[in-house]
Protein backbone atom coordinates (compact mmCIF):
# COMPACT_ATOMS: atom_id res chain seq x y z
CA MET A 1 0.10 0.03 0.05
CA ASN A 2 1.62 3.29 -1.11
CA ASN A 3 1.37 6.70 1.01
CA TYR A 4 1.08 8.82 -2.28
CA PRO A 5 -1.46 11.55 -2.10
CA LYS A 6 -4.48 10.78 -4.13
CA TYR A 7 -4.43 14.26 -5.80
CA ARG A 8 -1.47 16.55 -6.51
CA TYR A 9 -1.21 20.16 -7.78
CA PRO A 10 0.10 19.79 -11.15
CA GLU A 11 3.89 21.24 -11.52
CA GLY A 12 4.15 23.97 -13.82
CA PRO A 13 6.61 23.71 -16.74
CA GLY A 14 9.15 26.03 -15.34
CA MET A 15 8.53 28.87 -17.48
CA GLU A 16 10.46 31.94 -17.07
CA ASN A 17 9.86 35.63 -18.26
CA ARG A 18 6.64 34.78 -19.61
CA VAL A 19 5.18 37.38 -21.99
CA TRP A 20 1.43 36.32 -22.24
CA PRO A 21 0.09 37.95 -19.07
CA THR A 22 1.44 41.42 -20.56
CA ARG A 23 -0.56 41.11 -23.85
CA LYS A 24 -4.30 41.56 -24.84
CA ILE A 25 -6.45 40.03 -27.33
CA GLU A 26 -7.05 42.70 -30.17
CA SER A 27 -8.52 40.43 -33.03
CA MET A 28 -10.49 37.48 -33.30
CA PRO A 29 -8.59 33.95 -33.61
CA GLN A 30 -10.04 31.73 -36.17
CA MET A 31 -13.02 29.75 -34.48
CA VAL A 32 -13.56 26.20 -35.62
CA PRO A 33 -16.82 24.42 -34.35
CA VAL A 34 -16.22 20.72 -33.98
CA ASP A 35 -20.00 19.91 -33.17
CA LEU A 36 -20.64 17.53 -35.73
CA ARG A 37 -17.68 15.34 -34.66
CA ASP A 38 -16.70 16.04 -30.91
CA GLY A 39 -20.23 17.16 -30.00
CA ASN A 40 -22.34 14.26 -31.61
CA GLN A 41 -20.14 11.79 -30.03
CA ALA A 42 -21.60 12.84 -26.71
CA PHE A 43 -25.57 12.61 -27.50
CA ALA A 44 -27.45 9.75 -26.30
CA ARG A 45 -28.55 9.71 -30.15
CA PRO A 46 -25.99 10.75 -32.73
CA MET A 47 -27.17 13.01 -35.38
CA ASP A 48 -28.46 11.57 -38.59
CA VAL A 49 -27.58 12.60 -41.79
CA GLU A 50 -30.37 15.28 -42.39
CA THR A 51 -29.88 16.73 -38.67
CA LYS A 52 -26.12 16.98 -39.54
CA GLN A 53 -27.09 18.80 -42.83
CA LYS A 54 -29.29 21.38 -40.65
CA TYR A 55 -26.46 21.78 -38.17
CA PHE A 56 -24.01 22.53 -40.86
CA ASN A 57 -26.26 25.02 -42.66
CA MET A 58 -26.62 26.64 -39.26
CA LEU A 59 -22.95 27.09 -38.57
CA VAL A 60 -22.44 28.43 -41.95
CA LYS A 61 -25.06 30.93 -41.34
CA ILE A 62 -23.62 31.85 -38.07
CA GLY A 63 -20.34 32.73 -40.13
CA PHE A 64 -17.81 30.01 -39.40
CA LYS A 65 -15.25 29.51 -42.43
CA GLU A 66 -13.85 26.39 -41.10
CA ILE A 67 -16.15 23.51 -39.94
CA GLU A 68 -15.12 19.98 -38.55
CA VAL A 69 -17.84 17.76 -39.98
CA GLY A 70 -16.84 14.47 -38.71
CA PHE A 71 -15.37 11.03 -38.69
CA PRO A 72 -16.16 9.63 -42.07
CA ALA A 73 -14.41 6.41 -41.58
CA ALA A 74 -16.26 5.92 -38.10
CA SER A 75 -19.62 5.10 -39.47
CA THR A 76 -21.72 4.96 -42.44
CA GLU A 77 -23.86 7.82 -41.59
CA GLU A 78 -20.72 9.98 -41.14
CA TYR A 79 -19.21 8.96 -44.40
CA GLU A 80 -22.73 9.55 -46.10
CA PHE A 81 -23.01 13.09 -44.67
CA VAL A 82 -19.57 14.12 -46.12
CA ARG A 83 -20.28 12.83 -49.53
CA ARG A 84 -23.48 14.62 -49.71
CA LEU A 85 -21.88 17.72 -48.83
CA ILE A 86 -19.51 17.31 -51.61
CA GLU A 87 -21.67 15.78 -54.19
CA GLU A 88 -24.71 18.11 -53.95
CA ASN A 89 -22.29 20.98 -53.61
CA ARG A 90 -23.54 22.13 -50.32
CA ILE A 91 -20.44 23.54 -48.95
CA PRO A 92 -19.73 27.32 -49.98
CA ASP A 93 -16.71 28.57 -51.51
CA ASP A 94 -15.62 30.37 -48.55
CA VAL A 95 -15.86 27.31 -45.98
CA ARG A 96 -13.36 24.77 -45.75
CA ILE A 97 -14.61 21.33 -44.09
CA VAL A 98 -12.53 19.32 -41.75
CA VAL A 99 -12.33 15.55 -41.38
CA PHE A 100 -11.21 13.43 -38.64
CA THR A 101 -9.28 10.10 -38.78
CA ALA A 102 -6.97 8.04 -36.62
CA ALA A 103 -3.36 7.01 -38.08
CA LYS A 104 -4.70 3.54 -39.41
CA GLU A 105 -4.39 2.65 -43.10
CA VAL A 106 -8.09 1.28 -43.24
CA LEU A 107 -9.31 4.60 -41.74
CA VAL A 108 -7.13 6.96 -43.82
CA GLU A 109 -8.37 5.22 -46.95
CA ARG A 110 -11.85 5.36 -46.06
CA THR A 111 -11.53 9.15 -45.10
CA VAL A 112 -9.45 10.22 -48.24
CA GLN A 113 -12.67 8.45 -50.10
CA ALA A 114 -14.87 10.40 -48.38
CA ILE A 115 -13.66 13.68 -49.55
CA ALA A 116 -13.19 12.68 -53.24
CA GLY A 117 -13.94 15.93 -55.56
CA ILE A 118 -13.70 18.22 -52.72
CA ARG A 119 -12.34 21.86 -53.70
CA ARG A 120 -10.25 21.93 -50.17
CA ALA A 121 -10.51 20.42 -47.07
CA VAL A 122 -8.22 19.82 -43.68
CA VAL A 123 -7.52 16.16 -42.80
CA HIS A 124 -6.95 15.86 -39.12
CA CYS A 125 -5.29 13.08 -37.49
CA TYR A 126 -4.28 12.58 -33.78
CA VAL A 127 -2.07 10.37 -31.48
CA ALA A 128 -2.44 10.46 -27.88
CA ALA A 129 0.92 11.75 -26.57
CA SER A 130 0.93 11.83 -22.72
CA ASP A 131 3.16 9.74 -20.81
CA LEU A 132 -0.19 8.22 -19.17
CA HIS A 133 -1.16 7.02 -22.60
CA ARG A 134 2.52 6.23 -24.05
CA GLU A 135 3.39 4.15 -20.98
CA PHE A 136 0.31 2.46 -20.07
CA VAL A 137 -2.14 2.44 -23.29
CA PHE A 138 0.33 2.07 -26.22
CA HIS A 139 3.49 0.62 -24.26
CA ARG A 140 5.76 2.80 -26.39
CA THR A 141 8.93 4.69 -26.02
CA PRO A 142 9.02 8.36 -26.78
CA ARG A 143 11.07 8.12 -29.76
CA GLU A 144 8.32 4.99 -30.93
CA LEU A 145 5.46 7.54 -30.64
CA ILE A 146 7.12 10.13 -32.59
CA GLU A 147 7.72 7.66 -35.41
CA LEU A 148 4.17 6.53 -35.24
CA ALA A 149 2.81 10.34 -35.64
CA ALA A 150 5.38 10.83 -38.35
CA GLU A 151 4.51 7.53 -40.33
CA GLY A 152 0.65 8.02 -39.85
CA THR A 153 1.21 11.54 -41.48
CA LYS A 154 3.06 9.95 -44.13
CA MET A 155 0.33 7.48 -44.76
CA ILE A 156 -2.21 10.36 -45.23
CA VAL A 157 0.24 12.27 -47.68
CA ASN A 158 0.52 9.08 -49.64
CA ALA A 159 -3.35 8.66 -49.68
CA LEU A 160 -3.84 12.24 -50.84
CA LYS A 161 -1.56 12.06 -53.63
CA ARG A 162 -3.00 8.70 -54.86
CA SER A 163 -5.98 10.57 -55.04
CA ASN A 164 -5.04 13.78 -56.43
CA LEU A 165 -5.80 15.48 -53.28
CA TYR A 166 -2.61 16.21 -51.65
CA GLU A 167 -2.52 20.17 -53.10
CA LYS A 168 -6.17 20.88 -51.91
CA CYS A 169 -5.81 19.57 -48.63
CA ALA A 170 -4.28 20.99 -45.53
CA TYR A 171 -3.36 18.79 -42.78
CA GLU A 172 -4.07 19.14 -38.93
CA PHE A 173 -2.24 17.14 -36.36
CA SER A 174 -3.14 16.73 -32.52
CA PRO A 175 -0.76 15.29 -29.97
CA GLU A 176 -3.93 14.34 -27.59
CA GLU A 177 -3.66 15.51 -23.83
CA PHE A 178 -0.78 18.03 -24.98
CA SER A 179 -1.18 19.79 -21.84
CA ASP A 180 -0.55 16.37 -19.75
CA SER A 181 2.64 15.76 -21.84
CA ASP A 182 6.15 16.62 -21.56
CA PRO A 183 6.75 19.98 -23.57
CA GLY A 184 9.96 19.18 -25.32
CA PHE A 185 8.72 15.72 -26.52
CA ILE A 186 5.86 17.76 -27.94
CA VAL A 187 8.12 20.20 -29.70
CA GLU A 188 10.22 17.21 -31.17
CA LEU A 189 6.97 15.60 -32.50
CA ALA A 190 5.63 18.61 -34.20
CA GLU A 191 9.07 19.24 -36.06
CA GLU A 192 8.73 15.59 -37.42
CA VAL A 193 5.09 15.58 -38.06
CA ARG A 194 5.56 19.03 -40.24
CA ARG A 195 8.43 17.68 -42.05
CA ALA A 196 6.56 14.54 -42.85
CA TRP A 197 3.82 16.67 -44.13
CA GLY A 198 5.91 18.23 -46.50
CA ARG A 199 3.62 21.38 -47.71
CA GLY A 200 4.77 24.68 -46.45
CA GLY A 201 2.58 27.72 -45.30
CA LYS A 202 0.33 28.36 -42.56
CA GLU A 203 -2.71 27.69 -44.18
CA ASN A 204 -1.63 24.23 -45.17
CA PHE A 205 -0.30 23.09 -41.69
CA ILE A 206 -2.27 23.20 -38.24
CA PHE A 207 -0.57 21.85 -35.11
CA ASN A 208 -3.15 21.70 -32.56
CA LEU A 209 -2.51 21.36 -28.72
CA PRO A 210 -5.58 20.11 -26.74
CA ALA A 211 -6.10 20.07 -23.15
CA THR A 212 -8.22 16.61 -23.86
CA VAL A 213 -8.57 16.32 -20.14
CA GLU A 214 -8.41 19.63 -18.16
CA ARG A 215 -5.81 18.73 -15.39
CA ARG A 216 -3.91 22.17 -15.15
CA PRO A 217 -5.08 25.46 -14.16
CA PRO A 218 -5.52 27.89 -17.21
CA ASN A 219 -2.15 29.78 -16.64
CA GLN A 220 -0.20 26.81 -16.78
CA TYR A 221 -1.63 25.82 -20.13
CA ALA A 222 -0.73 29.27 -21.40
CA ASP A 223 2.79 29.05 -20.11
CA LEU A 224 2.81 25.57 -22.20
CA ILE A 225 1.47 27.25 -25.23
CA GLU A 226 4.12 30.03 -24.97
CA LEU A 227 6.81 27.68 -24.16
CA PHE A 228 6.07 25.59 -27.27
CA THR A 229 6.24 28.77 -29.62
CA ARG A 230 9.59 29.65 -28.31
CA ASN A 231 11.01 26.10 -29.04
CA TYR A 232 9.27 25.32 -32.03
CA SER A 233 10.82 26.32 -35.13
CA GLY A 234 8.02 26.21 -37.80
CA MET A 235 5.88 28.89 -36.32
CA ALA A 236 6.11 30.84 -39.69
CA GLU A 237 4.71 27.84 -41.43
CA THR A 238 2.07 26.76 -38.84
CA THR A 239 -1.04 27.64 -37.58
CA LEU A 240 -0.93 27.07 -33.80
CA SER A 241 -4.61 25.64 -32.62
CA ILE A 242 -5.98 24.64 -29.57
CA HIS A 243 -8.80 22.48 -28.06
CA THR A 244 -9.59 22.75 -24.42
CA HIS A 245 -12.11 20.82 -22.43
CA ASN A 246 -14.05 21.83 -19.43
CA ASP A 247 -13.12 19.18 -16.80
CA GLN A 248 -12.39 21.94 -14.06
CA GLY A 249 -14.80 24.64 -15.57
CA CYS A 250 -12.21 26.47 -16.88
CA ALA A 251 -12.34 25.96 -20.71
CA VAL A 252 -13.02 29.34 -21.89
CA ALA A 253 -10.59 30.92 -19.55
CA ALA A 254 -7.73 28.25 -20.70
CA ALA A 255 -8.73 29.27 -24.40
CA GLU A 256 -8.31 32.89 -24.01
CA LEU A 257 -5.04 32.65 -21.97
CA ALA A 258 -3.86 30.37 -24.73
CA VAL A 259 -4.60 33.10 -27.47
CA LEU A 260 -2.41 35.41 -25.43
CA ALA A 261 0.26 32.89 -25.40
CA GLY A 262 0.28 32.65 -29.24
CA ALA A 263 -2.76 30.16 -30.11
CA GLU A 264 -4.22 31.59 -33.56
CA ARG A 265 -6.88 29.07 -33.82
CA ILE A 266 -9.37 27.55 -31.48
CA GLU A 267 -11.83 24.40 -31.83
CA GLY A 268 -14.92 24.22 -29.59
CA THR A 269 -18.57 23.52 -29.90
CA LEU A 270 -22.08 25.43 -29.21
CA CYS A 271 -23.07 25.51 -25.68
CA GLY A 272 -19.88 23.57 -24.87
CA HIS A 273 -21.23 19.97 -25.65
CA GLY A 274 -18.89 17.12 -25.94
CA GLU A 275 -17.56 14.29 -23.68
CA ARG A 276 -17.80 14.63 -20.01
CA THR A 277 -17.94 18.20 -19.10
CA GLY A 278 -17.71 19.08 -22.75
CA ASN A 279 -15.42 21.10 -24.68
CA MET A 280 -15.10 25.05 -24.92
CA ASP A 281 -18.16 26.77 -25.63
CA VAL A 282 -17.68 28.82 -28.62
CA ILE A 283 -20.58 30.93 -28.16
CA THR A 284 -19.15 32.24 -24.62
CA PHE A 285 -15.85 32.72 -26.04
CA ALA A 286 -17.15 34.64 -29.30
CA LEU A 287 -19.55 36.96 -27.08
CA ASN A 288 -16.92 37.52 -24.31
CA MET A 289 -14.79 38.83 -27.32
CA MET A 290 -17.78 41.13 -28.76
CA ALA A 291 -18.41 42.54 -25.00
CA ARG A 292 -14.75 43.83 -25.13
CA GLY A 293 -15.14 45.60 -28.47
CA ILE A 294 -13.56 42.76 -30.72
CA GLU A 295 -15.20 42.38 -34.27
CA THR A 296 -15.93 38.52 -34.11
CA GLY A 297 -17.42 37.63 -37.64
CA LEU A 298 -20.05 35.52 -35.96
CA ASP A 299 -23.58 36.21 -36.21
CA PHE A 300 -25.50 35.37 -32.96
CA ARG A 301 -28.46 38.01 -33.20
CA ASN A 302 -30.86 35.08 -33.36
CA LEU A 303 -29.19 33.04 -30.45
CA PRO A 304 -32.34 31.87 -28.93
CA GLU A 305 -33.26 29.94 -32.03
CA ILE A 306 -29.62 28.71 -32.37
CA VAL A 307 -29.90 27.50 -28.65
CA GLY A 308 -33.40 26.09 -29.16
CA PHE A 309 -32.09 23.80 -32.02
CA VAL A 310 -28.92 22.70 -30.31
CA GLU A 311 -31.23 21.48 -27.42
CA GLN A 312 -33.41 19.80 -29.72
CA VAL A 313 -30.80 17.89 -31.56
CA SER A 314 -28.91 17.22 -28.17
CA GLY A 315 -31.64 16.36 -26.17
CA ILE A 316 -29.86 18.31 -23.49
CA ARG A 317 -31.68 21.43 -22.17
CA THR A 318 -29.21 24.44 -21.56
CA ASP A 319 -28.77 25.53 -17.92
CA PRO A 320 -30.55 28.68 -17.13
CA ARG A 321 -27.63 30.35 -15.78
CA HIS A 322 -25.30 29.40 -18.68
CA PRO A 323 -23.33 32.34 -20.02
CA TYR A 324 -25.25 34.45 -22.63
CA THR A 325 -27.35 31.40 -23.86
CA GLY A 326 -29.40 30.58 -20.37
CA GLU A 327 -32.91 31.79 -19.71
CA LEU A 328 -31.92 33.86 -16.62
CA VAL A 329 -28.58 35.52 -17.38
CA PHE A 330 -30.20 38.68 -18.20
CA THR A 331 -32.77 38.66 -15.31
CA ALA A 332 -32.67 40.36 -11.83
CA PHE A 333 -34.73 39.12 -8.80
CA SER A 334 -32.94 41.18 -6.35
CA GLY A 335 -34.79 44.40 -5.31
CA THR A 336 -31.39 46.57 -5.56
CA HIS A 337 -30.31 45.00 -8.56
CA GLN A 338 -33.50 45.62 -10.43
CA ASP A 339 -33.60 49.10 -9.07
CA ALA A 340 -30.10 49.92 -10.58
CA ILE A 341 -31.32 48.37 -14.05
CA ARG A 342 -34.21 50.64 -14.18
CA LYS A 343 -32.35 53.40 -13.25
CA GLY A 344 -29.77 52.77 -15.90
CA MET A 345 -31.98 51.75 -18.75
CA ALA A 346 -33.46 55.35 -18.15
CA GLN A 347 -30.32 57.04 -18.55
CA ARG A 348 -28.87 54.99 -21.25
CA GLU A 349 -27.81 58.28 -23.38
CA ALA A 350 -26.05 60.04 -20.32
CA ILE A 351 -24.26 56.47 -19.59
CA SER A 352 -23.07 56.38 -23.10
CA ALA A 353 -21.72 59.76 -23.28
CA TYR A 354 -19.93 59.39 -19.84
CA PHE A 355 -18.03 56.34 -20.56
CA ARG A 356 -17.86 56.87 -24.31
CA GLN A 357 -19.03 53.57 -25.31
CA GLY A 358 -22.62 52.36 -26.68
CA TRP A 359 -23.48 49.97 -23.92
CA LYS A 360 -22.69 49.96 -20.28
CA MET A 361 -25.69 49.05 -17.71
CA PRO A 362 -25.62 48.08 -14.18
CA TYR A 363 -25.58 44.10 -13.91
CA LEU A 364 -25.86 43.49 -17.70
CA LEU A 365 -22.59 42.89 -19.58
CA ILE A 366 -24.06 43.18 -23.07
CA ASP A 367 -27.20 44.42 -24.50
CA PRO A 368 -29.70 41.49 -24.60
CA ALA A 369 -30.94 42.71 -28.12
CA ASP A 370 -27.48 42.05 -29.71
CA ILE A 371 -28.35 38.38 -29.32
CA GLY A 372 -32.08 38.34 -30.04
CA ARG A 373 -33.17 38.80 -26.50
CA GLY A 374 -35.95 41.37 -25.36
CA TYR A 375 -35.96 43.45 -22.46
CA GLU A 376 -39.25 42.37 -20.86
CA GLY A 377 -37.25 39.67 -19.10
CA LEU A 378 -34.49 41.78 -17.50
CA VAL A 379 -36.59 42.18 -14.20
CA ARG A 380 -38.46 39.29 -12.91
CA ILE A 381 -40.84 39.47 -9.65
CA ASN A 382 -40.81 37.40 -6.61
CA SER A 383 -40.74 38.09 -2.77
CA GLN A 384 -37.12 39.18 -2.93
CA SER A 385 -37.99 41.91 -5.64
CA GLY A 386 -38.07 45.59 -4.58
CA LYS A 387 -39.98 48.55 -5.51
CA GLY A 388 -37.55 49.37 -8.52
CA GLY A 389 -38.02 45.91 -9.94
CA VAL A 390 -41.83 46.35 -9.82
CA ALA A 391 -41.77 49.77 -11.14
CA TYR A 392 -39.50 48.67 -14.09
CA VAL A 393 -42.14 45.99 -14.90
CA LEU A 394 -45.01 48.26 -14.98
CA GLU A 395 -43.06 50.85 -17.23
CA SER A 396 -41.11 48.56 -19.53
CA VAL A 397 -44.41 46.12 -20.08
CA TYR A 398 -47.26 48.61 -19.67
CA GLY A 399 -45.91 52.00 -19.94
CA ILE A 400 -46.90 53.05 -16.51
CA PRO A 401 -43.99 55.10 -14.94
CA LEU A 402 -44.60 54.84 -11.29
CA PRO A 403 -43.74 58.12 -9.08
CA LYS A 404 -41.01 57.49 -6.66
CA ALA A 405 -43.46 58.34 -3.80
CA MET A 406 -45.83 55.53 -5.37
CA GLN A 407 -43.36 52.82 -5.65
CA PRO A 408 -43.09 51.57 -2.00
CA GLU A 409 -46.79 51.12 -1.84
CA VAL A 410 -47.08 49.22 -4.90
CA ALA A 411 -43.92 47.26 -4.44
CA LYS A 412 -45.69 46.11 -0.95
CA ALA A 413 -48.80 44.94 -2.68
CA VAL A 414 -46.78 42.99 -5.07
CA GLN A 415 -44.59 41.68 -2.53
CA GLN A 416 -47.45 40.28 -0.08
CA GLU A 417 -49.02 38.56 -3.18
CA ALA A 418 -45.58 36.72 -3.93
CA GLU A 419 -45.22 35.71 -0.44
CA ARG A 420 -48.67 34.29 -0.43
CA CYS A 421 -48.26 32.27 -3.70
CA GLY A 422 -44.53 31.39 -2.81
CA GLY A 423 -43.11 31.74 -6.39
CA GLU A 424 -42.51 33.99 -9.15
CA LEU A 425 -45.17 36.64 -10.49
CA THR A 426 -45.52 37.30 -14.24
CA PRO A 427 -45.75 40.84 -15.31
CA ALA A 428 -49.27 40.16 -16.27
CA GLU A 429 -49.81 39.28 -12.32
CA VAL A 430 -48.00 42.33 -11.27
CA TYR A 431 -50.31 44.43 -13.57
CA ARG A 432 -53.23 42.70 -12.24
CA ILE A 433 -52.17 43.31 -8.79
CA PHE A 434 -51.68 47.21 -9.50
CA LEU A 435 -55.28 47.36 -10.91
CA GLU A 436 -56.91 45.56 -8.15
CA HIS A 437 -54.69 47.68 -5.42
CA PHE A 438 -54.68 51.15 -7.16
CA VAL A 439 -57.06 51.77 -9.98
CA ASN A 440 -60.78 52.14 -9.42
CA VAL A 441 -60.58 50.85 -6.08
CA SER A 442 -63.96 50.43 -4.42
CA GLY A 443 -64.71 52.00 -1.08
CA PRO A 444 -66.60 54.52 0.79
CA PHE A 445 -67.03 57.09 -1.94
CA GLU A 446 -68.08 57.14 -5.54
CA ILE A 447 -67.63 60.10 -7.42
CA GLU A 448 -69.53 61.27 -10.99
CA VAL A 449 -68.57 64.14 -13.01
CA SER A 450 -71.53 65.87 -13.76
CA ARG A 451 -69.92 68.83 -15.86
CA ILE A 452 -66.45 70.36 -16.66
CA CYS A 453 -66.83 73.84 -17.96
CA ARG A 454 -63.99 76.02 -19.20
CA PRO A 455 -64.14 79.09 -18.83
CA SER A 456 -66.16 79.08 -15.58
CA PRO A 457 -69.39 81.16 -15.67
CA GLU A 458 -67.82 83.01 -12.74
CA ASP A 459 -64.36 83.49 -13.98
CA SER A 460 -63.13 83.20 -17.64
CA GLU A 461 -59.58 82.41 -16.45
CA LYS A 462 -60.88 79.48 -14.41
CA THR A 463 -62.49 75.76 -14.92
CA GLU A 464 -65.69 74.70 -13.16
CA VAL A 465 -66.50 71.31 -12.11
CA GLU A 466 -69.50 69.62 -10.97
CA LEU A 467 -69.59 66.37 -9.24
CA ARG A 468 -72.02 63.95 -7.69
CA ILE A 469 -70.73 62.05 -4.67
CA ARG A 470 -72.17 59.14 -2.87
CA ASN A 471 -70.76 58.34 0.44
CA HIS A 472 -71.21 55.02 2.42
CA PRO A 473 -74.24 55.74 4.09
CA GLY A 474 -75.96 56.26 0.80
CA GLU A 475 -76.07 60.09 0.92
CA ILE A 476 -75.48 61.73 -2.23
CA HIS A 477 -74.08 65.24 -2.60
CA THR A 478 -73.85 67.55 -5.68
CA VAL A 479 -71.15 69.98 -5.37
CA SER A 480 -69.19 72.50 -7.52
CA ALA A 481 -66.09 74.56 -7.59
CA SER A 482 -63.81 76.33 -9.72
CA ALA A 483 -59.91 76.70 -10.25
CA PRO A 484 -57.22 77.42 -12.73
CA GLY A 485 -57.20 73.81 -13.62
CA PRO A 486 -59.78 71.00 -13.67
CA ILE A 487 -57.89 68.82 -11.13
CA GLU A 488 -57.70 71.69 -8.76
CA ALA A 489 -61.45 72.41 -9.19
CA VAL A 490 -62.27 68.75 -8.45
CA VAL A 491 -60.07 68.99 -5.00
CA ASN A 492 -61.84 72.05 -4.06
CA ALA A 493 -65.09 70.52 -4.79
CA LEU A 494 -64.52 67.58 -2.91
CA ARG A 495 -63.34 69.65 0.14
CA LYS A 496 -67.19 70.71 0.41
CA VAL A 497 -68.33 67.08 0.93
CA PRO A 498 -68.97 66.03 4.42
CA GLY A 499 -67.33 63.10 5.56
CA ILE A 500 -64.32 63.28 3.24
CA PRO A 501 -61.20 64.03 5.23
CA GLU A 502 -59.10 66.65 4.86
CA PHE A 503 -56.42 66.03 2.39
CA GLN A 504 -53.76 67.84 0.09
CA LEU A 505 -52.98 66.63 -3.51
CA GLU A 506 -49.33 66.01 -3.26
CA THR A 507 -48.33 64.25 -6.41
CA TYR A 508 -50.03 64.15 -9.63
CA SER A 509 -48.78 62.71 -13.15
CA GLU A 510 -50.46 61.74 -16.09
CA HIS A 511 -49.28 59.64 -19.13
CA ALA A 512 -50.54 58.35 -22.58
CA LEU A 513 -51.17 54.53 -22.74
CA GLY A 514 -50.94 53.48 -26.27
CA SER A 515 -51.76 55.70 -29.18
CA GLY A 516 -54.48 56.38 -31.90
CA ALA A 517 -58.25 55.93 -31.31
CA ASP A 518 -57.88 53.12 -28.63
CA ALA A 519 -55.44 55.53 -26.48
CA ARG A 520 -55.97 55.80 -22.94
CA ALA A 521 -54.60 57.92 -20.00
CA VAL A 522 -53.24 56.93 -16.67
CA ALA A 523 -53.34 59.25 -13.72
CA LEU A 524 -50.95 58.55 -10.73
CA ILE A 525 -52.18 60.45 -7.74
CA GLY A 526 -50.57 61.14 -4.35
CA LEU A 527 -52.90 62.51 -1.35
CA ARG A 528 -51.63 63.59 2.04
CA PHE A 529 -53.86 63.43 4.83
CA PRO A 530 -52.53 66.10 7.59
CA GLU A 531 -54.33 64.15 10.37
CA ASP A 532 -51.62 61.69 10.49
CA GLY A 533 -49.25 62.79 7.69
CA ALA A 534 -50.01 59.59 5.64
CA LEU A 535 -49.21 59.71 1.74
CA VAL A 536 -51.91 57.38 0.17
CA SER A 537 -51.72 56.70 -3.73
CA GLY A 538 -54.18 55.74 -6.23
CA ALA A 539 -54.44 55.51 -9.93
CA GLY A 540 -57.14 55.89 -12.71
CA MET A 541 -57.27 54.99 -16.41
CA ASP A 542 -59.71 56.67 -18.68
CA GLY A 543 -59.97 57.87 -22.32
CA ASN A 544 -60.09 61.17 -21.08
CA VAL A 545 -57.11 62.38 -19.01
CA ASN A 546 -59.59 64.62 -16.77
CA LEU A 547 -61.81 61.74 -15.73
CA ALA A 548 -58.58 59.57 -15.30
CA ALA A 549 -57.36 61.95 -12.77
CA VAL A 550 -60.83 62.05 -11.01
CA SER A 551 -60.77 58.38 -10.91
CA GLY A 552 -57.43 58.38 -9.45
CA ILE A 553 -58.19 60.72 -6.72
CA VAL A 554 -61.38 58.66 -5.69
CA SER A 555 -59.02 55.25 -5.65
CA ALA A 556 -56.72 57.09 -3.14
CA LEU A 557 -59.53 58.47 -0.91
CA ASN A 558 -61.16 54.77 -0.84
CA ARG A 559 -57.65 53.34 -0.07
CA ARG A 560 -57.23 55.59 2.91
């Protein structure tokens, strides 16, 4: 029985004077989706030919210019899909496909047959290069593994030449589990593989350095990448690619740091699908770059539809908190967050001028509209929500801008309902609560406007109103009064009615709801009652703004 620790912190590569931490990403690396191979392998039901075609079309529409389409020697469906792409001319002229194979003669021959007639393609081969694989899976010496990789490459070169495809194809090689391999060994392997391939030019030779299993922190992966670029002699003739996995949840971080260290090309999948915890999520990477002002060349303006299709194909639901793609990533339940978002959205132009950029918003990294999301879901209401969130919902969805003084009362009514039902309230439910508690509230007083007359018979500069008021005992009072404006006249008339407590009109605002013939007005009222200093809110809605105001005053009186 050994006494070794079960786990150990991985030793770094001994990097000195590293440069990558001083750099910043200023342009987009080439993004290569491997969904049709690497992601497809991880689905309980792999995609059939028709589904793969739809998926390929979606990747093209997003804007990817290099797409790995599968392992054509692995199954009949994989082979038929590649043949369909070629024979039916379904590959756009500006898109290059990648086909995957192991370095075995029968697989190489089948792969080359699959791409017969192609205008251009990449053949991708791999060999697991870590000590773990070399010693305990392959039982080979380092030199024997390098020879295996070189011989496999020559096998592919010869097969392509026999089919007159060598000049049309580029070559990609992956030493699997690079991040768990000896750095010097990988450099020696890369030199041998490049010589075996024989065609110069960065567009013709891709060397891919995968973190097949994420065993290291992202900074160590970046060290390994930079160390490779320092010691490998063929950088001018090689496109340096990476492929990170998400076993420790750091795939995107590792990819970003690897780009700082010299990577030029990144493989990944939409939504991060793939074996175990999956590959790096190319959506997250790309939108991170967009959020930093880098032009990505990729179009995610209909991201909800893209994610919906991926969910349908994979049978795997996207986590609601998944960056950018999740249902809740632009949603605030916290009252303080909701209030900040509401205030920020109301001051977008001022914020833009202050920070000299088009979008900067409390708690919202990017504009949801950039990826096909609306603003209606930014704030969602439950028992933890505050007055700012409730105000935002009523204003953004229903066009009702609550005055600051009214917000606590409305929020309290909404919170009580949320606590009662124990869950989230939809915007429609928030609106219903507002109507029930603040609009046309029944109570001890009913008021009917008999007449509004301007000019007043008594004074041409004033408006006269006449009201019929029914109080709780059933008494009816008819009163009239004049004032410079109709609302003041209503207040003056109400002060003449027995049983109506003394009050002052402290806040009043009116707003149009809708437009055209069906437009209505909402009046938001705040009455102060000197007897105890209470401020009571009410609201009214009507096609006539004056009648809406009267209804709002009555609602406030009845809520007293």
